[in-house]
PDB file of N, CA and C in Angstrom:
ATOM      1  N   MET A   1      17.051  58.096 -31.384  1.00  0.00           N
ATOM      2  CA  MET A   1      16.299  56.830 -30.088  1.00  0.00           C
ATOM      3  C   MET A   1      17.801  56.546 -29.164  1.00  0.00           C
ATOM      4  N   PRO A   2      17.540  56.567 -27.879  1.00  0.00           N
ATOM      5  CA  PRO A   2      18.178  56.686 -26.983  1.00  0.00           C
ATOM      6  C   PRO A   2      18.799  54.802 -27.175  1.00  0.00           C
ATOM      7  N   VAL A   3      19.979  54.485 -26.629  1.00  0.00           N
ATOM      8  CA  VAL A   3      20.248  53.481 -26.409  1.00  0.00           C
ATOM      9  C   VAL A   3      20.485  53.114 -25.221  1.00  0.00           C
ATOM     10  N   ILE A   4      19.559  51.947 -25.000  1.00  0.00           N
ATOM     11  CA  ILE A   4      19.360  51.426 -23.661  1.00  0.00           C
ATOM     12  C   ILE A   4      20.858  50.060 -23.368  1.00  0.00           C
ATOM     13  N   ASN A   5      21.575  50.223 -22.407  1.00  0.00           N
ATOM     14  CA  ASN A   5      22.349  49.308 -21.686  1.00  0.00           C
ATOM     15  C   ASN A   5      21.648  48.221 -21.258  1.00  0.00           C
ATOM     16  N   ARG A   6      21.780  47.175 -21.592  1.00  0.00           N
ATOM     17  CA  ARG A   6      20.897  46.089 -20.695  1.00  0.00           C
ATOM     18  C   ARG A   6      21.659  45.849 -19.353  1.00  0.00           C
ATOM     19  N   THR A   7      23.081  46.292 -19.506  1.00  0.00           N
ATOM     20  CA  THR A   7      23.336  46.018 -17.950  1.00  0.00           C
ATOM     21  C   THR A   7      23.026  46.977 -16.856  1.00  0.00           C
ATOM     22  N   SER A   8      22.238  47.897 -17.039  1.00  0.00           N
ATOM     23  CA  SER A   8      21.673  48.703 -16.329  1.00  0.00           C
ATOM     24  C   SER A   8      19.988  48.382 -16.248  1.00  0.00           C
ATOM     25  N   LEU A   9      19.349  47.706 -16.897  1.00  0.00           N
ATOM     26  CA  LEU A   9      18.319  46.930 -16.119  1.00  0.00           C
ATOM     27  C   LEU A   9      18.245  46.212 -15.199  1.00  0.00           C
ATOM     28  N   PRO A  10      17.270  46.704 -14.409  1.00  0.00           N
ATOM     29  CA  PRO A  10      17.227  45.791 -13.174  1.00  0.00           C
ATOM     30  C   PRO A  10      16.637  44.568 -13.335  1.00  0.00           C
ATOM     31  N   ASP A  11      17.559  43.633 -12.361  1.00  0.00           N
ATOM     32  CA  ASP A  11      16.723  42.086 -12.509  1.00  0.00           C
ATOM     33  C   ASP A  11      15.897  41.625 -11.776  1.00  0.00           C
ATOM     34  N   MET A  12      14.789  41.000 -12.300  1.00  0.00           N
ATOM     35  CA  MET A  12      13.589  41.067 -11.834  1.00  0.00           C
ATOM     36  C   MET A  12      13.267  40.007 -10.854  1.00  0.00           C
ATOM     37  N   ASN A  13      14.853  39.301 -10.522  1.00  0.00           N
ATOM     38  CA  ASN A  13      14.765  37.848  -9.620  1.00  0.00           C
ATOM     39  C   ASN A  13      15.489  38.967  -8.359  1.00  0.00           C
ATOM     40  N   LYS A  14      16.194  40.011  -8.394  1.00  0.00           N
ATOM     41  CA  LYS A  14      16.853  40.676  -7.375  1.00  0.00           C
ATOM     42  C   LYS A  14      16.082  41.301  -6.521  1.00  0.00           C
ATOM     43  N   PRO A  15      16.073  41.585  -5.091  1.00  0.00           N
ATOM     44  CA  PRO A  15      14.935  42.310  -4.642  1.00  0.00           C
ATOM     45  C   PRO A  15      15.859  43.790  -4.659  1.00  0.00           C
ATOM     46  N   ALA A  16      14.770  45.067  -4.131  1.00  0.00           N
ATOM     47  CA  ALA A  16      15.657  46.470  -3.943  1.00  0.00           C
ATOM     48  C   ALA A  16      16.066  46.533  -2.887  1.00  0.00           C
ATOM     49  N   CYS A  17      16.725  47.138  -2.541  1.00  0.00           N
ATOM     50  CA  CYS A  17      17.405  47.533  -0.870  1.00  0.00           C
ATOM     51  C   CYS A  17      16.435  48.008  -0.350  1.00  0.00           C
ATOM     52  N   PRO A  18      16.346  47.322   0.771  1.00  0.00           N
ATOM     53  CA  PRO A  18      14.902  47.632   1.816  1.00  0.00           C
ATOM     54  C   PRO A  18      15.454  48.980   2.714  1.00  0.00           C
ATOM     55  N   MET A  19      16.417  49.621   2.687  1.00  0.00           N
ATOM     56  CA  MET A  19      17.088  51.007   2.922  1.00  0.00           C
ATOM     57  C   MET A  19      16.987  51.761   2.240  1.00  0.00           C
ATOM     58  N   CYS A  20      17.724  52.029   0.681  1.00  0.00           N
ATOM     59  CA  CYS A  20      17.622  53.173   0.019  1.00  0.00           C
ATOM     60  C   CYS A  20      16.515  52.607  -1.009  1.00  0.00           C
ATOM     61  N   GLU A  21      16.056  51.590  -1.267  1.00  0.00           N
ATOM     62  CA  GLU A  21      15.399  51.316  -2.226  1.00  0.00           C
ATOM     63  C   GLU A  21      15.732  51.147  -3.613  1.00  0.00           C
ATOM     64  N   MET A  22      17.010  51.345  -3.865  1.00  0.00           N
ATOM     65  CA  MET A  22      17.879  51.230  -5.133  1.00  0.00           C
ATOM     66  C   MET A  22      17.894  50.002  -5.588  1.00  0.00           C
ATOM     67  N   PRO A  23      17.659  49.646  -6.872  1.00  0.00           N
ATOM     68  CA  PRO A  23      17.776  48.253  -7.396  1.00  0.00           C
ATOM     69  C   PRO A  23      19.044  47.587  -7.748  1.00  0.00           C
ATOM     70  N   GLU A  24      19.739  48.588  -7.834  1.00  0.00           N
ATOM     71  CA  GLU A  24      21.495  47.892  -7.567  1.00  0.00           C
ATOM     72  C   GLU A  24      21.745  46.967  -6.489  1.00  0.00           C
ATOM     73  N   VAL A  25      22.080  45.550  -6.580  1.00  0.00           N
ATOM     74  CA  VAL A  25      22.412  44.717  -5.457  1.00  0.00           C
ATOM     75  C   VAL A  25      22.865  43.954  -5.765  1.00  0.00           C
ATOM     76  N   LEU A  26      24.363  43.395  -4.758  1.00  0.00           N
ATOM     77  CA  LEU A  26      24.871  42.445  -5.282  1.00  0.00           C
ATOM     78  C   LEU A  26      24.322  40.728  -4.330  1.00  0.00           C
ATOM     79  N   GLU A  27      24.576  39.741  -5.162  1.00  0.00           N
ATOM     80  CA  GLU A  27      23.847  38.743  -5.178  1.00  0.00           C
ATOM     81  C   GLU A  27      24.943  37.629  -4.099  1.00  0.00           C
ATOM     82  N   HIS A  28      24.969  37.451  -2.615  1.00  0.00           N
ATOM     83  CA  HIS A  28      26.223  36.563  -2.359  1.00  0.00           C
ATOM     84  C   HIS A  28      25.347  35.180  -2.170  1.00  0.00           C
ATOM     85  N   ALA A  29      25.770  34.116  -1.517  1.00  0.00           N
ATOM     86  CA  ALA A  29      25.424  33.172  -1.200  1.00  0.00           C
ATOM     87  C   ALA A  29      24.083  33.064   0.055  1.00  0.00           C
ATOM     88  N   GLU A  30      24.536  33.646   1.070  1.00  0.00           N
ATOM     89  CA  GLU A  30      23.519  33.517   2.076  1.00  0.00           C
ATOM     90  C   GLU A  30      22.863  35.665   2.585  1.00  0.00           C
ATOM     91  N   GLN A  31      23.444  36.267   1.589  1.00  0.00           N
ATOM     92  CA  GLN A  31      22.932  37.532   1.632  1.00  0.00           C
ATOM     93  C   GLN A  31      22.768  38.393   0.740  1.00  0.00           C
ATOM     94  N   TRP A  32      22.091  39.307   0.645  1.00  0.00           N
ATOM     95  CA  TRP A  32      21.983  40.313  -0.318  1.00  0.00           C
ATOM     96  C   TRP A  32      23.389  41.684   0.202  1.00  0.00           C
ATOM     97  N   GLU A  33      23.799  42.392  -0.987  1.00  0.00           N
ATOM     98  CA  GLU A  33      24.017  43.635  -0.652  1.00  0.00           C
ATOM     99  C   GLU A  33      23.875  44.536  -1.620  1.00  0.00           C
ATOM    100  N   CYS A  34      23.725  45.670  -0.833  1.00  0.00           N
ATOM    101  CA  CYS A  34      23.201  47.168  -1.699  1.00  0.00           C
ATOM    102  C   CYS A  34      24.510  47.755  -2.087  1.00  0.00           C
ATOM    103  N   VAL A  35      24.995  47.762  -3.945  1.00  0.00           N
ATOM    104  CA  VAL A  35      25.697  48.738  -4.208  1.00  0.00           C
ATOM    105  C   VAL A  35      26.382  50.001  -3.759  1.00  0.00           C
ATOM    106  N   THR A  36      24.558  50.667  -3.688  1.00  0.00           N
ATOM    107  CA  THR A  36      24.640  52.266  -3.291  1.00  0.00           C
ATOM    108  C   THR A  36      24.998  52.526  -2.026  1.00  0.00           C
ATOM    109  N   CYS A  37      24.312  51.694  -1.227  1.00  0.00           N
ATOM    110  CA  CYS A  37      24.323  52.327   0.432  1.00  0.00           C
ATOM    111  C   CYS A  37      25.171  51.415   1.180  1.00  0.00           C
ATOM    112  N   GLY A  38      25.597  50.108   0.702  1.00  0.00           N
ATOM    113  CA  GLY A  38      26.336  49.161   1.408  1.00  0.00           C
ATOM    114  C   GLY A  38      25.424  48.398   2.377  1.00  0.00           C
ATOM    115  N   HIS A  39      24.265  48.769   2.367  1.00  0.00           N
ATOM    116  CA  HIS A  39      23.501  47.569   3.485  1.00  0.00           C
ATOM    117  C   HIS A  39      23.337  46.110   3.070  1.00  0.00           C
ATOM    118  N   GLU A  40      23.251  45.480   3.970  1.00  0.00           N
ATOM    119  CA  GLU A  40      23.324  43.653   4.069  1.00  0.00           C
ATOM    120  C   GLU A  40      22.292  43.417   4.517  1.00  0.00           C
ATOM    121  N   TRP A  41      21.730  42.234   3.878  1.00  0.00           N
ATOM    122  CA  TRP A  41      20.544  41.396   4.679  1.00  0.00           C
ATOM    123  C   TRP A  41      20.390  40.279   4.153  1.00  0.00           C
ATOM    124  N   PRO A  42      19.841  39.064   5.025  1.00  0.00           N
ATOM    125  CA  PRO A  42      19.789  38.156   4.743  1.00  0.00           C
ATOM    126  C   PRO A  42      18.936  37.153   3.462  1.00  0.00           C
ATOM    127  N   ARG A  43      19.411  36.250   2.966  1.00  0.00           N
ATOM    128  CA  ARG A  43      18.642  35.839   1.564  1.00  0.00           C
ATOM    129  C   ARG A  43      17.152  35.392   2.111  1.00  0.00           C
ATOM    130  N   GLU A  44      16.064  35.432   1.458  1.00  0.00           N
ATOM    131  CA  GLU A  44      15.001  34.447   1.844  1.00  0.00           C
ATOM    132  C   GLU A  44      14.963  32.626   1.875  1.00  0.00           C
ATOM    133  N   VAL A  45      14.865  32.294   2.906  1.00  0.00           N
ATOM    134  CA  VAL A  45      15.525  30.730   2.490  1.00  0.00           C
ATOM    135  C   VAL A  45      14.262  30.112   2.036  1.00  0.00           C
ATOM    136  N   GLU A  46      13.950  29.160   1.125  1.00  0.00           N
ATOM    137  CA  GLU A  46      13.226  29.150   0.439  1.00  0.00           C
ATOM    138  C   GLU A  46      12.138  27.714   1.240  1.00  0.00           C
ATOM    139  N   ASN A  47      10.933  28.008   0.926  1.00  0.00           N
ATOM    140  CA  ASN A  47      10.044  27.180   2.076  1.00  0.00           C
ATOM    141  C   ASN A  47       9.843  25.718   1.999  1.00  0.00           C
ATOM    142  N   PRO A  48      10.406  24.617   2.885  1.00  0.00           N
ATOM    143  CA  PRO A  48      10.119  23.213   2.305  1.00  0.00           C
ATOM    144  C   PRO A  48       8.803  23.049   2.227  1.00  0.00           C
ATOM    145  N   GLU A  49       7.987  23.642   2.390  1.00  0.00           N
ATOM    146  CA  GLU A  49       6.605  23.120   2.366  1.00  0.00           C
ATOM    147  C   GLU A  49       6.032  23.446   1.010  1.00  0.00           C
ATOM    148  N   ALA A  50       6.937  24.073   0.168  1.00  0.00           N
ATOM    149  CA  ALA A  50       6.276  24.809  -1.264  1.00  0.00           C
ATOM    150  C   ALA A  50       6.849  23.593  -1.903  1.00  0.00           C
ATOM    151  N   ARG A  51       7.843  22.874  -1.624  1.00  0.00           N
ATOM    152  CA  ARG A  51       7.616  21.513  -1.954  1.00  0.00           C
ATOM    153  C   ARG A  51       6.602  20.488  -3.245  1.00  0.00           C
ATOM    154  N   VAL A  52       6.613  20.661  -4.057  1.00  0.00           N
ATOM    155  CA  VAL A  52       5.336  19.409  -4.878  1.00  0.00           C
ATOM    156  C   VAL A  52       5.794  18.387  -5.125  1.00  0.00           C
ATOM    157  N   VAL A  53       5.194  17.611  -4.745  1.00  0.00           N
ATOM    158  CA  VAL A  53       5.089  15.827  -4.687  1.00  0.00           C
ATOM    159  C   VAL A  53       4.538  15.342  -5.637  1.00  0.00           C
ATOM    160  N   LYS A  54       4.544  14.767  -6.535  1.00  0.00           N
ATOM    161  CA  LYS A  54       3.998  14.288  -7.640  1.00  0.00           C
ATOM    162  C   LYS A  54       3.839  12.491  -7.906  1.00  0.00           C
ATOM    163  N   ASP A  55       2.596  11.977  -8.144  1.00  0.00           N
ATOM    164  CA  ASP A  55       2.638  10.510  -8.290  1.00  0.00           C
ATOM    165  C   ASP A  55       3.279  10.162  -9.488  1.00  0.00           C
ATOM    166  N   ALA A  56       3.491   8.883  -9.941  1.00  0.00           N
ATOM    167  CA  ALA A  56       3.417   8.321 -10.941  1.00  0.00           C
ATOM    168  C   ALA A  56       2.678   8.693 -12.476  1.00  0.00           C
ATOM    169  N   PHE A  57       1.714   9.558 -12.230  1.00  0.00           N
ATOM    170  CA  PHE A  57       0.990   9.935 -13.133  1.00  0.00           C
ATOM    171  C   PHE A  57       0.962  11.421 -13.019  1.00  0.00           C
ATOM    172  N   GLY A  58       1.549  12.149 -12.658  1.00  0.00           N
ATOM    173  CA  GLY A  58       1.922  13.192 -12.378  1.00  0.00           C
ATOM    174  C   GLY A  58       0.994  14.094 -11.431  1.00  0.00           C
ATOM    175  N   THR A  59      -0.196  13.345 -10.527  1.00  0.00           N
ATOM    176  CA  THR A  59      -1.097  13.988  -9.723  1.00  0.00           C
ATOM    177  C   THR A  59      -0.521  14.619  -8.292  1.00  0.00           C
ATOM    178  N   VAL A  60      -0.995  15.460  -7.513  1.00  0.00           N
ATOM    179  CA  VAL A  60      -0.027  16.233  -6.615  1.00  0.00           C
ATOM    180  C   VAL A  60      -0.469  15.230  -5.836  1.00  0.00           C
ATOM    181  N   LEU A  61       0.401  15.055  -5.127  1.00  0.00           N
ATOM    182  CA  LEU A  61       0.356  14.331  -3.456  1.00  0.00           C
ATOM    183  C   LEU A  61       0.292  15.525  -2.098  1.00  0.00           C
ATOM    184  N   ALA A  62      -0.664  15.201  -1.359  1.00  0.00           N
ATOM    185  CA  ALA A  62      -0.810  15.529  -0.049  1.00  0.00           C
ATOM    186  C   ALA A  62      -0.872  15.114   1.031  1.00  0.00           C
ATOM    187  N   ASP A  63      -0.017  15.400   2.295  1.00  0.00           N
ATOM    188  CA  ASP A  63      -0.343  14.526   3.464  1.00  0.00           C
ATOM    189  C   ASP A  63      -1.484  14.515   3.614  1.00  0.00           C
ATOM    190  N   GLY A  64      -1.551  12.968   4.294  1.00  0.00           N
ATOM    191  CA  GLY A  64      -3.529  12.412   4.405  1.00  0.00           C
ATOM    192  C   GLY A  64      -4.098  11.676   3.481  1.00  0.00           C
ATOM    193  N   ASP A  65      -3.155  11.822   2.147  1.00  0.00           N
ATOM    194  CA  ASP A  65      -3.795  10.864   1.082  1.00  0.00           C
ATOM    195  C   ASP A  65      -3.589   9.593   1.190  1.00  0.00           C
ATOM    196  N   SER A  66      -4.268   8.914   0.201  1.00  0.00           N
ATOM    197  CA  SER A  66      -4.178   7.470   0.246  1.00  0.00           C
ATOM    198  C   SER A  66      -3.759   6.840  -1.172  1.00  0.00           C
ATOM    199  N   VAL A  67      -2.943   6.527  -1.188  1.00  0.00           N
ATOM    200  CA  VAL A  67      -1.860   6.079  -2.661  1.00  0.00           C
ATOM    201  C   VAL A  67      -2.279   4.397  -2.842  1.00  0.00           C
ATOM    202  N   ALA A  68      -1.755   4.151  -3.952  1.00  0.00           N
ATOM    203  CA  ALA A  68      -1.803   2.386  -4.279  1.00  0.00           C
ATOM    204  C   ALA A  68      -0.524   2.482  -5.028  1.00  0.00           C
ATOM    205  N   LEU A  69       0.202   1.350  -4.792  1.00  0.00           N
ATOM    206  CA  LEU A  69       1.506   0.568  -5.300  1.00  0.00           C
ATOM    207  C   LEU A  69       0.873   0.506  -7.420  1.00  0.00           C
ATOM    208  N   ILE A  70       1.935   1.047  -7.782  1.00  0.00           N
ATOM    209  CA  ILE A  70       1.444   0.518  -9.114  1.00  0.00           C
ATOM    210  C   ILE A  70       1.947  -0.706  -9.541  1.00  0.00           C
ATOM    211  N   LYS A  71       2.940  -1.112  -8.754  1.00  0.00           N
ATOM    212  CA  LYS A  71       4.119  -2.113  -9.405  1.00  0.00           C
ATOM    213  C   LYS A  71       4.494  -3.508  -8.033  1.00  0.00           C
ATOM    214  N   ASP A  72       4.630  -4.188  -8.343  1.00  0.00           N
ATOM    215  CA  ASP A  72       5.519  -5.306  -7.324  1.00  0.00           C
ATOM    216  C   ASP A  72       6.733  -4.478  -6.538  1.00  0.00           C
ATOM    217  N   LEU A  73       6.764  -4.480  -5.504  1.00  0.00           N
ATOM    218  CA  LEU A  73       8.388  -3.935  -4.888  1.00  0.00           C
ATOM    219  C   LEU A  73       8.776  -4.598  -3.852  1.00  0.00           C
ATOM    220  N   LYS A  74      10.194  -4.948  -4.260  1.00  0.00           N
ATOM    221  CA  LYS A  74      10.571  -6.149  -3.009  1.00  0.00           C
ATOM    222  C   LYS A  74      11.023  -5.228  -2.154  1.00  0.00           C
ATOM    223  N   LEU A  75      11.061  -5.435  -0.857  1.00  0.00           N
ATOM    224  CA  LEU A  75      11.395  -4.786   0.270  1.00  0.00           C
ATOM    225  C   LEU A  75      13.022  -4.983   0.353  1.00  0.00           C
ATOM    226  N   LYS A  76      13.597  -3.776   0.454  1.00  0.00           N
ATOM    227  CA  LYS A  76      15.125  -4.009   0.888  1.00  0.00           C
ATOM    228  C   LYS A  76      15.563  -4.929   2.128  1.00  0.00           C
ATOM    229  N   GLY A  77      16.417  -5.444   1.997  1.00  0.00           N
ATOM    230  CA  GLY A  77      16.690  -6.267   3.237  1.00  0.00           C
ATOM    231  C   GLY A  77      15.818  -7.683   3.640  1.00  0.00           C
ATOM    232  N   SER A  78      15.071  -7.947   2.805  1.00  0.00           N
ATOM    233  CA  SER A  78      13.746  -8.745   2.907  1.00  0.00           C
ATOM    234  C   SER A  78      13.735  -9.802   1.982  1.00  0.00           C
ATOM    235  N   SER A  79      12.598 -10.974   1.861  1.00  0.00           N
ATOM    236  CA  SER A  79      12.831 -11.483   1.016  1.00  0.00           C
ATOM    237  C   SER A  79      11.087 -11.068   0.677  1.00  0.00           C
ATOM    238  N   GLN A  80      10.246 -10.704   1.273  1.00  0.00           N
ATOM    239  CA  GLN A  80       8.997 -10.041   1.259  1.00  0.00           C
ATOM    240  C   GLN A  80       8.924  -8.910  -0.100  1.00  0.00           C
ATOM    241  N   VAL A  81       7.782  -9.137  -1.009  1.00  0.00           N
ATOM    242  CA  VAL A  81       7.078  -8.628  -1.935  1.00  0.00           C
ATOM    243  C   VAL A  81       5.818  -7.527  -1.364  1.00  0.00           C
ATOM    244  N   LEU A  82       5.915  -6.307  -2.009  1.00  0.00           N
ATOM    245  CA  LEU A  82       4.471  -5.937  -2.103  1.00  0.00           C
ATOM    246  C   LEU A  82       4.130  -5.569  -3.317  1.00  0.00           C
ATOM    247  N   LYS A  83       2.961  -6.277  -3.194  1.00  0.00           N
ATOM    248  CA  LYS A  83       2.076  -6.007  -4.316  1.00  0.00           C
ATOM    249  C   LYS A  83       1.625  -5.236  -5.148  1.00  0.00           C
ATOM    250  N   GLY A  84       1.411  -5.265  -6.121  1.00  0.00           N
ATOM    251  CA  GLY A  84       0.870  -3.768  -6.866  1.00  0.00           C
ATOM    252  C   GLY A  84      -0.111  -4.095  -6.591  1.00  0.00           C
ATOM    253  N   GLY A  85      -0.900  -2.726  -6.179  1.00  0.00           N
ATOM    254  CA  GLY A  85      -2.155  -2.385  -6.132  1.00  0.00           C
ATOM    255  C   GLY A  85      -2.351  -2.204  -4.530  1.00  0.00           C
ATOM    256  N   THR A  86      -1.566  -2.799  -3.570  1.00  0.00           N
ATOM    257  CA  THR A  86      -1.330  -2.505  -2.473  1.00  0.00           C
ATOM    258  C   THR A  86      -1.715  -1.166  -1.633  1.00  0.00           C
ATOM    259  N   LYS A  87      -2.651  -0.943  -0.754  1.00  0.00           N
ATOM    260  CA  LYS A  87      -3.202   0.347  -0.828  1.00  0.00           C
ATOM    261  C   LYS A  87      -2.571   1.041   0.634  1.00  0.00           C
ATOM    262  N   ALA A  88      -2.137   2.245   1.078  1.00  0.00           N
ATOM    263  CA  ALA A  88      -1.736   2.912   1.847  1.00  0.00           C
ATOM    264  C   ALA A  88      -2.620   4.234   2.229  1.00  0.00           C
ATOM    265  N   LYS A  89      -3.169   4.358   3.508  1.00  0.00           N
ATOM    266  CA  LYS A  89      -4.061   5.156   3.828  1.00  0.00           C
ATOM    267  C   LYS A  89      -2.961   6.462   4.462  1.00  0.00           C
ATOM    268  N   GLY A  90      -3.303   7.702   4.557  1.00  0.00           N
ATOM    269  CA  GLY A  90      -3.322   8.757   5.871  1.00  0.00           C
ATOM    270  C   GLY A  90      -1.500   8.924   5.372  1.00  0.00           C
ATOM    271  N   ILE A  91      -1.233   9.149   4.125  1.00  0.00           N
ATOM    272  CA  ILE A  91       0.540   9.058   3.847  1.00  0.00           C
ATOM    273  C   ILE A  91       1.037  10.386   4.611  1.00  0.00           C
ATOM    274  N   ARG A  92       1.985  10.890   4.615  1.00  0.00           N
ATOM    275  CA  ARG A  92       3.173  11.767   5.107  1.00  0.00           C
ATOM    276  C   ARG A  92       4.110  12.095   4.463  1.00  0.00           C
ATOM    277  N   LEU A  93       4.048  13.220   3.883  1.00  0.00           N
ATOM    278  CA  LEU A  93       5.206  13.474   2.878  1.00  0.00           C
ATOM    279  C   LEU A  93       6.483  14.279   3.867  1.00  0.00           C
ATOM    280  N   VAL A  94       7.303  13.567   3.392  1.00  0.00           N
ATOM    281  CA  VAL A  94       8.724  13.990   3.687  1.00  0.00           C
ATOM    282  C   VAL A  94       9.643  14.025   2.821  1.00  0.00           C
ATOM    283  N   ASN A  95      10.919  14.987   3.485  1.00  0.00           N
ATOM    284  CA  ASN A  95      11.992  15.240   2.802  1.00  0.00           C
ATOM    285  C   ASN A  95      13.138  14.184   2.575  1.00  0.00           C
ATOM    286  N   GLY A  96      13.708  13.946   2.027  1.00  0.00           N
ATOM    287  CA  GLY A  96      14.875  12.653   1.917  1.00  0.00           C
ATOM    288  C   GLY A  96      14.712  12.169   0.409  1.00  0.00           C
ATOM    289  N   ASP A  97      15.363  10.878   0.536  1.00  0.00           N
ATOM    290  CA  ASP A  97      15.263   9.960  -0.843  1.00  0.00           C
ATOM    291  C   ASP A  97      14.178   9.678  -0.919  1.00  0.00           C
ATOM    292  N   HIS A  98      13.173   9.069  -0.019  1.00  0.00           N
ATOM    293  CA  HIS A  98      11.950   8.695  -0.042  1.00  0.00           C
ATOM    294  C   HIS A  98      11.133   9.708  -0.025  1.00  0.00           C
ATOM    295  N   GLU A  99      10.118   9.804  -0.681  1.00  0.00           N
ATOM    296  CA  GLU A  99       9.435  11.304  -0.402  1.00  0.00           C
ATOM    297  C   GLU A  99       8.253  11.155   0.657  1.00  0.00           C
ATOM    298  N   ILE A 100       7.620   9.592   0.430  1.00  0.00           N
ATOM    299  CA  ILE A 100       6.359   9.082   1.147  1.00  0.00           C
ATOM    300  C   ILE A 100       6.631   8.247   2.386  1.00  0.00           C
ATOM    301  N   SER A 101       6.133   8.818   3.699  1.00  0.00           N
ATOM    302  CA  SER A 101       6.200   7.877   4.686  1.00  0.00           C
ATOM    303  C   SER A 101       4.888   7.599   5.088  1.00  0.00           C
ATOM    304  N   CYS A 102       4.756   6.142   5.245  1.00  0.00           N
ATOM    305  CA  CYS A 102       3.602   5.282   5.427  1.00  0.00           C
ATOM    306  C   CYS A 102       3.472   4.110   6.365  1.00  0.00           C
ATOM    307  N   LYS A 103       2.517   3.500   6.315  1.00  0.00           N
ATOM    308  CA  LYS A 103       2.404   2.242   7.121  1.00  0.00           C
ATOM    309  C   LYS A 103       1.627   1.179   5.962  1.00  0.00           C
ATOM    310  N   ILE A 104       2.037  -0.001   5.802  1.00  0.00           N
ATOM    311  CA  ILE A 104       1.770  -0.691   4.977  1.00  0.00           C
ATOM    312  C   ILE A 104       1.038  -2.077   5.582  1.00  0.00           C
ATOM    313  N   GLU A 105       0.033  -2.867   5.791  1.00  0.00           N
ATOM    314  CA  GLU A 105       0.181  -3.799   6.465  1.00  0.00           C
ATOM    315  C   GLU A 105       0.884  -4.197   7.892  1.00  0.00           C
ATOM    316  N   GLY A 106       0.856  -2.567   8.430  1.00  0.00           N
ATOM    317  CA  GLY A 106       0.748  -2.329  10.132  1.00  0.00           C
ATOM    318  C   GLY A 106       2.563  -2.336  10.084  1.00  0.00           C
ATOM    319  N   ALA A 107       3.364  -2.449   8.616  1.00  0.00           N
ATOM    320  CA  ALA A 107       4.789  -2.080   8.711  1.00  0.00           C
ATOM    321  C   ALA A 107       4.980  -0.624   8.541  1.00  0.00           C
ATOM    322  N   ALA A 108       6.010   0.107   9.121  1.00  0.00           N
ATOM    323  CA  ALA A 108       6.042   1.654   8.533  1.00  0.00           C
ATOM    324  C   ALA A 108       7.159   1.218   7.721  1.00  0.00           C
ATOM    325  N   MET A 109       7.156   2.173   6.711  1.00  0.00           N
ATOM    326  CA  MET A 109       7.749   2.337   5.544  1.00  0.00           C
ATOM    327  C   MET A 109       8.135   3.402   4.563  1.00  0.00           C
ATOM    328  N   GLY A 110       9.090   3.865   3.916  1.00  0.00           N
ATOM    329  CA  GLY A 110       9.388   5.269   2.933  1.00  0.00           C
ATOM    330  C   GLY A 110       9.106   4.533   1.529  1.00  0.00           C
ATOM    331  N   LEU A 111       8.408   5.093   1.042  1.00  0.00           N
ATOM    332  CA  LEU A 111       8.246   4.449  -0.535  1.00  0.00           C
ATOM    333  C   LEU A 111       8.852   6.084  -1.385  1.00  0.00           C
ATOM    334  N   LYS A 112       8.941   5.835  -2.745  1.00  0.00           N
ATOM    335  CA  LYS A 112       9.303   6.781  -3.789  1.00  0.00           C
ATOM    336  C   LYS A 112       8.057   6.952  -4.539  1.00  0.00           C
ATOM    337  N   ALA A 113       7.626   8.347  -4.820  1.00  0.00           N
ATOM    338  CA  ALA A 113       6.239   9.112  -5.202  1.00  0.00           C
ATOM    339  C   ALA A 113       6.382   8.149  -6.859  1.00  0.00           C
ATOM    340  N   CYS A 114       6.924   7.955  -7.547  1.00  0.00           N
ATOM    341  CA  CYS A 114       7.217   7.355  -8.654  1.00  0.00           C
ATOM    342  C   CYS A 114       6.587   6.014  -8.882  1.00  0.00           C
ATOM    343  N   PHE A 115       6.411   5.404  -7.723  1.00  0.00           N
ATOM    344  CA  PHE A 115       5.838   4.087  -7.680  1.00  0.00           C
ATOM    345  C   PHE A 115       4.932   4.067  -7.272  1.00  0.00           C
ATOM    346  N   VAL A 116       3.744   4.755  -6.934  1.00  0.00           N
ATOM    347  CA  VAL A 116       2.416   5.126  -6.320  1.00  0.00           C
ATOM    348  C   VAL A 116       1.323   5.777  -7.575  1.00  0.00           C
ATOM    349  N   ARG A 117       0.309   5.829  -7.362  1.00  0.00           N
ATOM    350  CA  ARG A 117      -0.642   6.424  -7.782  1.00  0.00           C
ATOM    351  C   ARG A 117      -1.841   6.732  -6.881  1.00  0.00           C
ATOM    352  N   LYS A 118      -2.416   8.026  -6.687  1.00  0.00           N
ATOM    353  CA  LYS A 118      -3.001   8.484  -5.716  1.00  0.00           C
ATOM    354  C   LYS A 118      -4.440   7.910  -5.923  1.00  0.00           C
ATOM    355  N   VAL A 119      -5.082   7.559  -5.130  1.00  0.00           N
ATOM    356  CA  VAL A 119      -6.653   6.686  -5.090  1.00  0.00           C
ATOM    357  C   VAL A 119      -7.469   7.778  -4.510  1.00  0.00           C
TER     358      VAL A 119
END
């Protein structure tokens, strides 16, 4: 029975070279490099739209959804408190510390998804 060298098996996470179609490629921070022919090509950038945002109960959120607060939240830099159960309609998912951009009681604010539930 032949012995299989594990280092010679192709890595399923690495693409084959688009020029020579050989599976031996080197992975760099911003590009791929073929060991056989020396061809270099850029790595695929992850799609930020593919990010999944879930509410406190694990339900996937999308732009335009309506959410409700699951607990009272104190507004930063203010003495106001948003009561649990307060609803926000037509949310937008954004990148950053707060995943949700919305309007509550006419004021624009950012919320973390862990403090809301989908309505």
